[in-house]
Structures are given as C-alpha cells and as structure tokens.
C-alpha cells in the first residue's frame, strides 16, 4: 500500500514538472486547442492539427508568441 502512495506522489510531481516546462507560447497553444475542441468550431482532429502547427511555430521562434 505505501508503495502505491509513493508512486502516486512521484507521478504527481513528474506531471507538474512537465507542465512547468511548457513555454508561455505552448501554453497558449494548449488553451486555444481546448477552446477549439470544446467550442465545436472544428473537429477535434482539425483542432489537434492547429495545435501542432502552433507548437512548431513556438519552437521555431524560440518560445515567443506565434
């Protein structure tokens, strides 16, 4: 039982570290994706494609706004 608790804590810490590594630009891409997917303007797949384009733009610009 204690090993499960330790595993859960380790998983939680790893996920928060990963989220903090996202740049401001990538965070904007994620927010845009979520609003696109829940808004119903495009299909979820089309929203995912737009998110990837946004992320690639972020990488090319070094984390600045697209």
N, C-alpha and C. Protein backbone atom coordinates (compact mmCIF):
# COMPACT_ATOMS: atom_id res chain seq x y z
N UNK A 1 0.81 -1.20 0.00
CA UNK A 1 0.00 0.00 0.00
C UNK A 1 0.86 1.27 0.00
N UNK A 2 1.89 1.38 0.86
CA UNK A 2 2.71 2.60 0.84
C UNK A 2 3.41 2.81 -0.50
N UNK A 3 3.74 1.74 -1.19
CA UNK A 3 4.40 1.91 -2.49
C UNK A 3 3.46 2.57 -3.50
N UNK A 4 2.17 2.28 -3.41
CA UNK A 4 1.21 2.92 -4.30
C UNK A 4 1.13 4.42 -4.02
N UNK A 5 1.17 4.79 -2.77
CA UNK A 5 1.12 6.20 -2.40
C UNK A 5 2.37 6.91 -2.90
N UNK A 6 3.52 6.30 -2.73
CA UNK A 6 4.76 6.89 -3.21
C UNK A 6 4.75 7.03 -4.73
N UNK A 7 4.22 6.02 -5.41
CA UNK A 7 4.12 6.08 -6.86
C UNK A 7 3.20 7.22 -7.30
N UNK A 8 2.09 7.39 -6.61
CA UNK A 8 1.15 8.46 -6.94
C UNK A 8 1.80 9.83 -6.73
N UNK A 9 2.55 9.98 -5.66
CA UNK A 9 3.24 11.24 -5.39
C UNK A 9 4.29 11.51 -6.46
N UNK A 10 5.04 10.49 -6.83
CA UNK A 10 6.06 10.65 -7.86
C UNK A 10 5.43 11.03 -9.20
N UNK A 11 4.32 10.42 -9.52
CA UNK A 11 3.61 10.73 -10.76
C UNK A 11 3.10 12.17 -10.75
N UNK A 12 2.57 12.60 -9.63
CA UNK A 12 2.08 13.96 -9.50
C UNK A 12 3.22 14.97 -9.66
N UNK A 13 4.34 14.71 -9.03
CA UNK A 13 5.49 15.60 -9.16
C UNK A 13 6.02 15.65 -10.58
N UNK A 14 6.05 14.52 -11.24
CA UNK A 14 6.53 14.47 -12.63
C UNK A 14 5.60 15.25 -13.55
N UNK A 15 4.31 15.16 -13.34
CA UNK A 15 3.37 15.87 -14.20
C UNK A 15 3.46 17.37 -13.98
N UNK A 16 3.64 17.82 -12.76
CA UNK A 16 3.74 19.26 -12.52
C UNK A 16 5.04 19.81 -13.08
N UNK A 17 6.10 19.02 -13.05
CA UNK A 17 7.37 19.45 -13.63
C UNK A 17 7.24 19.58 -15.14
N UNK A 18 6.56 18.65 -15.77
CA UNK A 18 6.36 18.69 -17.21
C UNK A 18 5.55 19.91 -17.61
N UNK A 19 4.50 20.21 -16.87
CA UNK A 19 3.68 21.37 -17.19
C UNK A 19 4.46 22.67 -17.03
N UNK A 20 5.32 22.74 -16.05
CA UNK A 20 6.07 23.96 -15.84
C UNK A 20 7.13 24.17 -16.92
N UNK A 21 7.50 23.12 -17.64
CA UNK A 21 8.50 23.24 -18.70
C UNK A 21 7.90 23.82 -19.98
N UNK A 22 6.59 23.89 -20.08
CA UNK A 22 5.96 24.44 -21.27
C UNK A 22 6.16 25.95 -21.29
N UNK A 23 6.50 26.45 -22.45
CA UNK A 23 6.66 27.90 -22.58
C UNK A 23 5.30 28.57 -22.57
N UNK A 24 5.32 29.87 -22.45
CA UNK A 24 4.08 30.64 -22.47
C UNK A 24 3.36 30.46 -23.81
N UNK A 25 4.14 30.40 -24.87
CA UNK A 25 3.59 30.20 -26.21
C UNK A 25 2.89 28.85 -26.31
N UNK A 26 3.54 27.80 -25.82
CA UNK A 26 2.94 26.47 -25.87
C UNK A 26 1.69 26.39 -25.00
N UNK A 27 1.70 27.10 -23.89
CA UNK A 27 0.53 27.14 -23.03
C UNK A 27 -0.65 27.78 -23.76
N UNK A 28 -0.36 28.84 -24.52
CA UNK A 28 -1.40 29.48 -25.33
C UNK A 28 -1.94 28.50 -26.38
N UNK A 29 -1.04 27.73 -26.97
CA UNK A 29 -1.47 26.74 -27.97
C UNK A 29 -2.43 25.73 -27.34
N UNK A 30 -2.12 25.28 -26.13
CA UNK A 30 -2.97 24.32 -25.44
C UNK A 30 -4.34 24.92 -25.12
N UNK A 31 -4.35 26.18 -24.67
CA UNK A 31 -5.61 26.84 -24.35
C UNK A 31 -6.46 27.00 -25.61
N UNK A 32 -5.82 27.38 -26.71
CA UNK A 32 -6.54 27.52 -27.97
C UNK A 32 -7.12 26.18 -28.41
N UNK A 33 -6.35 25.11 -28.24
CA UNK A 33 -6.82 23.78 -28.60
C UNK A 33 -8.05 23.39 -27.78
N UNK A 34 -7.98 23.61 -26.48
CA UNK A 34 -9.10 23.24 -25.62
C UNK A 34 -10.36 24.01 -25.97
N UNK A 35 -10.20 25.31 -26.24
CA UNK A 35 -11.38 26.10 -26.60
C UNK A 35 -11.92 25.68 -27.97
N UNK A 36 -11.02 25.34 -28.88
CA UNK A 36 -11.43 24.89 -30.21
C UNK A 36 -12.18 23.56 -30.12
N UNK A 37 -11.63 22.62 -29.36
CA UNK A 37 -12.22 21.29 -29.26
C UNK A 37 -13.56 21.32 -28.54
N UNK A 38 -13.69 22.16 -27.54
CA UNK A 38 -14.96 22.21 -26.80
C UNK A 38 -15.96 23.14 -27.45
N UNK A 39 -15.49 24.09 -28.26
CA UNK A 39 -16.38 25.05 -28.90
C UNK A 39 -17.14 24.48 -30.07
N UNK A 40 -16.64 23.43 -30.68
CA UNK A 40 -17.33 22.79 -31.79
C UNK A 40 -17.15 23.51 -33.12
N UNK A 41 -16.20 24.44 -33.20
CA UNK A 41 -15.97 25.15 -34.46
C UNK A 41 -15.39 24.23 -35.52
N UNK A 42 -14.50 23.34 -35.08
CA UNK A 42 -13.85 22.37 -35.98
C UNK A 42 -13.88 21.01 -35.30
N UNK A 43 -13.52 19.98 -36.05
CA UNK A 43 -13.43 18.65 -35.45
C UNK A 43 -12.24 18.62 -34.50
N UNK A 44 -12.25 17.66 -33.60
CA UNK A 44 -11.16 17.54 -32.64
C UNK A 44 -9.83 17.30 -33.36
N UNK A 45 -9.88 16.54 -34.43
CA UNK A 45 -8.67 16.26 -35.22
C UNK A 45 -8.12 17.54 -35.85
N UNK A 46 -8.99 18.36 -36.41
CA UNK A 46 -8.56 19.63 -37.01
C UNK A 46 -7.98 20.55 -35.95
N UNK A 47 -8.57 20.55 -34.76
CA UNK A 47 -8.04 21.36 -33.66
C UNK A 47 -6.65 20.88 -33.25
N UNK A 48 -6.45 19.56 -33.24
CA UNK A 48 -5.15 18.99 -32.89
C UNK A 48 -4.09 19.38 -33.92
N UNK A 49 -4.47 19.40 -35.19
CA UNK A 49 -3.54 19.80 -36.25
C UNK A 49 -3.14 21.26 -36.05
N UNK A 50 -4.09 22.11 -35.73
CA UNK A 50 -3.80 23.53 -35.48
C UNK A 50 -2.88 23.69 -34.27
N UNK A 51 -3.10 22.88 -33.24
CA UNK A 51 -2.25 22.93 -32.05
C UNK A 51 -0.81 22.57 -32.41
N UNK A 52 -0.63 21.54 -33.22
CA UNK A 52 0.72 21.14 -33.61
C UNK A 52 1.40 22.22 -34.45
N UNK A 53 0.65 22.87 -35.33
CA UNK A 53 1.21 23.97 -36.11
C UNK A 53 1.67 25.09 -35.18
N UNK A 54 0.84 25.38 -34.20
CA UNK A 54 1.16 26.43 -33.23
C UNK A 54 2.43 26.06 -32.44
N UNK A 55 2.52 24.82 -32.01
CA UNK A 55 3.70 24.37 -31.26
C UNK A 55 4.97 24.46 -32.10
N UNK A 56 4.86 24.08 -33.36
CA UNK A 56 6.03 24.16 -34.25
C UNK A 56 6.46 25.61 -34.43
N UNK A 57 5.50 26.50 -34.53
CA UNK A 57 5.82 27.92 -34.64
C UNK A 57 6.52 28.39 -33.38
N UNK A 58 6.07 27.93 -32.22
CA UNK A 58 6.71 28.29 -30.95
C UNK A 58 8.16 27.83 -30.92
N UNK A 59 8.40 26.62 -31.37
CA UNK A 59 9.75 26.08 -31.37
C UNK A 59 10.64 26.88 -32.32
N UNK A 60 10.13 27.22 -33.49
CA UNK A 60 10.91 27.98 -34.45
C UNK A 60 11.25 29.37 -33.93
N UNK A 61 10.32 29.97 -33.20
CA UNK A 61 10.55 31.31 -32.69
C UNK A 61 11.21 31.32 -31.32
N UNK A 62 11.54 30.16 -30.82
CA UNK A 62 12.23 30.07 -29.54
C UNK A 62 11.35 30.35 -28.33
N UNK A 63 10.08 30.01 -28.44
CA UNK A 63 9.18 30.16 -27.31
C UNK A 63 8.43 31.46 -27.27
N UNK A 64 8.66 32.35 -28.25
CA UNK A 64 7.91 33.60 -28.27
C UNK A 64 6.53 33.37 -28.87
N UNK A 65 5.69 34.38 -28.77
CA UNK A 65 4.32 34.24 -29.27
C UNK A 65 4.29 34.00 -30.77
N UNK A 66 3.35 33.13 -31.23
CA UNK A 66 3.24 32.85 -32.67
C UNK A 66 2.64 34.00 -33.44
